[in-house]
């Protein structure tokens, strides 16, 4: 039976210099494994706030609502427990981790998620195959996580983690930002490959439709002022590219 991630009437605030500011104002969203949902909207509409709330970022306070994974309350889980349950976040700005090599990071993460260390010979074969698919030189395995990586290399490294850790659901927070056409294709192929191999459910946050040419969404949700303003299929993204968000902002 496929897994389901349910977001119900989610309200989220973030602490600012002026005090708490409400960002999400009642979001409802259901994602099933094997589905790709695109979240689009103007700056400040709450797209990244949704991603961080799902992942458990401490700066974002859920004031009401729930996030359920197969009926279990995600909000009661720690960040590590969410990862073990099958939730993955590809960050818009991946952080550097000095002193920790990619190889050690990946195997440690895989061990934590599975509860046991993967056989070293099989694991290294899987890592090399995944790196090859993402056009990453094998030398990246010995480099510190994201340290000195270009923007495109950091994004490919996120998808490398996605392919190897095999989560149930992946939240991709503007994974397309800063990528040239070639890198965008490689990253998109990785996401599609993970979905094909594992039945991954994808929540893809983006400003632009160009990544949707390579990762075709089943559903498109338009975020405006902390709410879902409209929902539809891939044709909605095409309409947004032609018309922009003016009609939503005028009525917000």
Protein backbone atom coordinates (compact mmCIF):
# COMPACT_ATOMS: atom_id res chain seq x y z
CA UNK A 1 0.00 0.00 0.00
CA UNK A 2 1.42 3.39 -1.00
CA UNK A 3 2.19 6.02 1.61
CA UNK A 4 0.32 9.31 1.96
CA UNK A 5 1.51 12.67 3.26
CA UNK A 6 -1.40 14.83 4.42
CA UNK A 7 -1.18 18.51 5.32
CA UNK A 8 -4.30 19.71 7.10
CA UNK A 9 -5.23 23.34 7.84
CA UNK A 10 -1.59 24.20 8.49
CA UNK A 11 -0.82 27.56 10.08
CA UNK A 12 2.84 28.52 10.53
CA UNK A 13 4.53 31.58 12.03
CA UNK A 14 8.14 32.69 11.94
CA UNK A 15 9.95 34.90 14.41
CA UNK A 16 11.18 38.21 12.99
CA UNK A 17 12.77 41.33 14.49
CA UNK A 18 9.26 42.77 14.71
CA UNK A 19 7.92 39.67 16.45
CA UNK A 20 6.06 36.59 15.26
CA UNK A 21 4.72 36.82 11.70
CA UNK A 22 2.13 34.42 10.35
CA UNK A 23 3.18 32.99 6.99
CA UNK A 24 0.94 30.00 6.31
CA UNK A 25 -2.74 30.63 6.90
CA UNK A 26 -4.47 27.30 6.50
CA UNK A 27 -2.86 25.02 3.92
CA UNK A 28 -4.44 21.73 2.87
CA UNK A 29 -2.52 19.35 0.65
CA UNK A 30 -2.43 15.57 0.12
CA UNK A 31 0.45 13.85 -1.65
CA UNK A 32 0.54 10.17 -2.46
CA UNK A 33 3.64 8.16 -3.30
CA UNK A 34 4.27 8.24 -7.03
CA UNK A 35 2.73 11.70 -7.44
CA UNK A 36 4.52 14.93 -8.29
CA UNK A 37 3.02 18.14 -6.92
CA UNK A 38 4.42 21.51 -8.02
CA UNK A 39 4.11 24.48 -5.66
CA UNK A 40 4.32 27.81 -7.46
CA UNK A 41 3.78 31.40 -6.39
CA UNK A 42 5.37 34.82 -5.98
CA UNK A 43 8.10 35.63 -3.49
CA UNK A 44 6.92 35.66 0.11
CA UNK A 45 3.86 33.52 -0.53
CA UNK A 46 4.92 30.75 1.89
CA UNK A 47 6.38 28.11 -0.38
CA UNK A 48 9.68 27.64 1.46
CA UNK A 49 7.91 28.01 4.81
CA UNK A 50 5.88 24.92 3.92
CA UNK A 51 9.07 23.02 3.12
CA UNK A 52 10.74 23.95 6.40
CA UNK A 53 7.61 23.19 8.42
CA UNK A 54 7.48 19.69 6.94
CA UNK A 55 11.18 19.12 7.64
CA UNK A 56 11.00 20.49 11.20
CA UNK A 57 13.10 23.67 11.06
CA UNK A 58 13.07 25.11 14.62
CA UNK A 59 12.57 28.70 13.44
CA UNK A 60 9.15 27.87 12.00
CA UNK A 61 6.39 27.41 14.56
CA UNK A 62 3.30 25.46 13.61
CA UNK A 63 0.51 27.26 15.47
CA UNK A 64 -2.29 24.95 14.34
CA UNK A 65 -3.04 22.16 11.91
CA UNK A 66 -1.27 18.86 11.32
CA UNK A 67 1.06 16.98 9.00
CA UNK A 68 0.34 13.27 8.81
CA UNK A 69 2.48 10.55 7.26
CA UNK A 70 0.42 7.38 6.92
CA UNK A 71 -1.75 8.65 9.77
CA UNK A 72 1.18 9.40 12.10
CA UNK A 73 1.62 12.99 13.31
CA UNK A 74 4.85 14.30 11.80
CA UNK A 75 4.82 17.38 14.04
CA UNK A 76 5.46 15.17 17.06
CA UNK A 77 8.65 13.80 15.46
CA UNK A 78 12.14 15.23 15.71
CA UNK A 79 13.99 16.15 12.53
CA UNK A 80 15.89 12.85 12.53
CA UNK A 81 12.69 10.90 13.12
CA UNK A 82 11.08 12.58 10.12
CA UNK A 83 14.01 11.51 7.97
CA UNK A 84 13.78 7.94 9.29
CA UNK A 85 10.03 7.95 8.54
CA UNK A 86 10.80 8.77 4.90
CA UNK A 87 10.74 12.57 4.55
CA UNK A 88 13.58 14.23 2.61
CA UNK A 89 14.32 17.93 2.08
CA UNK A 90 16.54 19.19 -0.73
CA UNK A 91 17.44 22.67 0.43
CA UNK A 92 17.44 25.81 -1.67
CA UNK A 93 20.85 26.69 -0.22
CA UNK A 94 22.63 23.43 0.74
CA UNK A 95 24.99 23.94 3.68
CA UNK A 96 28.68 23.11 3.77
CA UNK A 97 29.88 20.61 6.38
CA UNK A 98 33.65 21.03 6.86
CA UNK A 99 35.52 17.97 8.12
CA UNK A 100 32.88 15.45 6.97
CA UNK A 101 33.44 13.70 3.67
CA UNK A 102 30.60 12.92 1.32
CA UNK A 103 31.32 9.19 1.60
CA UNK A 104 31.13 9.22 5.42
CA UNK A 105 28.09 11.46 5.46
CA UNK A 106 26.14 9.29 3.04
CA UNK A 107 26.94 5.98 4.74
CA UNK A 108 26.21 7.42 8.19
CA UNK A 109 22.87 8.78 6.97
CA UNK A 110 21.96 5.49 5.30
CA UNK A 111 22.83 3.59 8.48
CA UNK A 112 20.71 5.94 10.62
CA UNK A 113 17.71 5.59 8.32
CA UNK A 114 17.88 1.81 7.81
CA UNK A 115 18.98 0.94 11.34
CA UNK A 116 21.99 -0.99 10.08
CA UNK A 117 25.07 -0.22 8.02
CA UNK A 118 24.87 -1.18 4.33
CA UNK A 119 27.40 -3.81 3.14
CA UNK A 120 30.43 -1.77 2.16
CA UNK A 121 31.04 -3.44 -1.22
CA UNK A 122 27.42 -3.12 -2.37
CA UNK A 123 27.17 0.39 -0.96
CA UNK A 124 30.24 1.70 -2.77
CA UNK A 125 28.96 0.20 -6.00
CA UNK A 126 25.65 2.01 -5.52
CA UNK A 127 27.39 5.30 -4.69
CA UNK A 128 29.62 5.15 -7.76
CA UNK A 129 26.66 4.29 -10.01
CA UNK A 130 24.59 7.16 -8.64
CA UNK A 131 27.48 9.61 -9.00
CA UNK A 132 28.02 8.46 -12.57
CA UNK A 133 24.37 9.05 -13.41
CA UNK A 134 24.65 12.58 -12.02
CA UNK A 135 27.91 13.28 -13.94
CA UNK A 136 29.80 13.65 -10.65
CA UNK A 137 33.47 12.73 -10.59
CA UNK A 138 34.29 9.97 -8.09
CA UNK A 139 36.65 12.40 -6.32
CA UNK A 140 33.56 14.11 -4.84
CA UNK A 141 33.16 11.13 -2.49
CA UNK A 142 36.36 12.11 -0.67
CA UNK A 143 35.56 15.83 -0.53
CA UNK A 144 33.85 17.47 2.43
CA UNK A 145 30.10 17.84 2.06
CA UNK A 146 29.41 20.79 -0.27
CA UNK A 147 32.65 22.54 0.77
CA UNK A 148 33.97 24.48 -2.21
CA UNK A 149 31.23 23.06 -4.45
CA UNK A 150 29.66 25.26 -7.11
CA UNK A 151 25.93 25.92 -6.91
CA UNK A 152 25.21 23.25 -9.50
CA UNK A 153 27.47 20.73 -7.75
CA UNK A 154 25.66 21.33 -4.46
CA UNK A 155 22.30 20.69 -6.11
CA UNK A 156 23.57 17.49 -7.73
CA UNK A 157 24.89 16.41 -4.33
CA UNK A 158 21.38 16.85 -2.90
CA UNK A 159 19.95 14.58 -5.59
CA UNK A 160 22.75 12.07 -4.94
CA UNK A 161 21.52 11.88 -1.34
CA UNK A 162 17.94 11.53 -2.58
CA UNK A 163 18.79 8.61 -4.86
CA UNK A 164 20.83 6.75 -2.23
CA UNK A 165 18.66 7.32 0.84
CA UNK A 166 15.42 6.35 -0.96
CA UNK A 167 12.83 8.35 1.04
CA UNK A 168 9.07 8.05 0.60
CA UNK A 169 8.60 11.77 -0.01
CA UNK A 170 10.99 14.45 -1.24
CA UNK A 171 10.45 18.17 -0.74
CA UNK A 172 12.56 19.99 -3.34
CA UNK A 173 12.89 23.65 -2.37
CA UNK A 174 13.77 25.56 -5.55
CA UNK A 175 16.21 22.89 -6.66
CA UNK A 176 16.29 24.58 -10.07
CA UNK A 177 17.62 27.93 -8.79
CA UNK A 178 21.05 28.80 -10.09
CA UNK A 179 21.27 25.86 -12.50
CA UNK A 180 22.24 26.17 -16.15
CA UNK A 181 20.36 24.12 -18.73
CA UNK A 182 22.72 21.12 -18.63
CA UNK A 183 22.74 20.93 -14.83
CA UNK A 184 18.96 21.34 -14.76
CA UNK A 185 18.54 18.35 -17.07
CA UNK A 186 20.92 16.20 -15.00
CA UNK A 187 19.20 17.09 -11.71
CA UNK A 188 15.75 16.51 -13.22
CA UNK A 189 16.80 13.14 -14.59
CA UNK A 190 17.93 12.19 -11.08
CA UNK A 191 14.57 13.11 -9.57
CA UNK A 192 12.71 11.21 -12.29
CA UNK A 193 14.99 8.21 -11.82
CA UNK A 194 14.36 8.17 -8.05
CA UNK A 195 10.63 8.38 -8.64
CA UNK A 196 10.70 5.55 -11.17
CA UNK A 197 12.86 3.30 -8.99
CA UNK A 198 11.15 3.83 -5.62
CA UNK A 199 7.71 5.31 -6.23
CA UNK A 200 8.86 8.57 -4.65
CA UNK A 201 6.29 11.26 -3.91
CA UNK A 202 7.59 14.71 -4.90
CA UNK A 203 6.69 18.17 -3.62
CA UNK A 204 8.49 20.49 -6.03
CA UNK A 205 8.72 24.17 -5.08
CA UNK A 206 9.63 26.49 -7.93
CA UNK A 207 9.12 29.98 -9.35
CA UNK A 208 9.51 28.96 -12.94
CA UNK A 209 8.09 26.42 -15.36
CA UNK A 210 11.41 25.44 -16.95
CA UNK A 211 12.03 22.56 -14.52
CA UNK A 212 8.48 21.35 -15.15
CA UNK A 213 9.48 20.63 -18.73
CA UNK A 214 11.72 17.88 -17.34
CA UNK A 215 9.82 16.88 -14.19
CA UNK A 216 6.19 16.81 -15.25
CA UNK A 217 3.80 17.51 -12.37
CA UNK A 218 0.57 15.64 -11.80
CA UNK A 219 -0.80 18.60 -9.84
CA UNK A 220 0.05 22.31 -9.63
CA UNK A 221 -0.80 24.42 -6.57
CA UNK A 222 -0.55 28.21 -6.60
CA UNK A 223 0.46 29.77 -3.29
CA UNK A 224 -0.54 33.38 -2.60
CA UNK A 225 -0.41 35.09 0.78
CA UNK A 226 0.05 31.85 2.73
CA UNK A 227 -2.83 29.97 1.14
CA UNK A 228 -3.50 27.75 -1.87
CA UNK A 229 -5.18 30.15 -4.28
CA UNK A 230 -5.73 27.72 -7.15
CA UNK A 231 -5.07 24.10 -8.05
CA UNK A 232 -4.94 22.25 -11.34
CA UNK A 233 -2.91 20.05 -13.64
CA UNK A 234 0.20 20.81 -15.74
CA UNK A 235 -1.84 23.23 -17.86
CA UNK A 236 -2.05 25.60 -14.88
CA UNK A 237 1.75 26.01 -14.90
CA UNK A 238 1.61 26.92 -18.58
CA UNK A 239 -1.03 29.53 -17.84
CA UNK A 240 1.10 30.99 -15.05
CA UNK A 241 4.05 31.31 -17.43
CA UNK A 242 1.88 33.27 -19.86
CA UNK A 243 -0.05 35.41 -17.37
CA UNK A 244 2.08 35.61 -14.21
CA UNK A 245 0.55 36.03 -10.77
CA UNK A 246 -1.14 39.43 -11.18
CA UNK A 247 -4.68 38.08 -11.17
CA UNK A 248 -4.02 36.34 -7.84
CA UNK A 249 -2.29 39.30 -6.24
CA UNK A 250 -5.08 41.69 -7.22
CA UNK A 251 -7.64 39.56 -5.38
CA UNK A 252 -5.43 38.67 -2.41
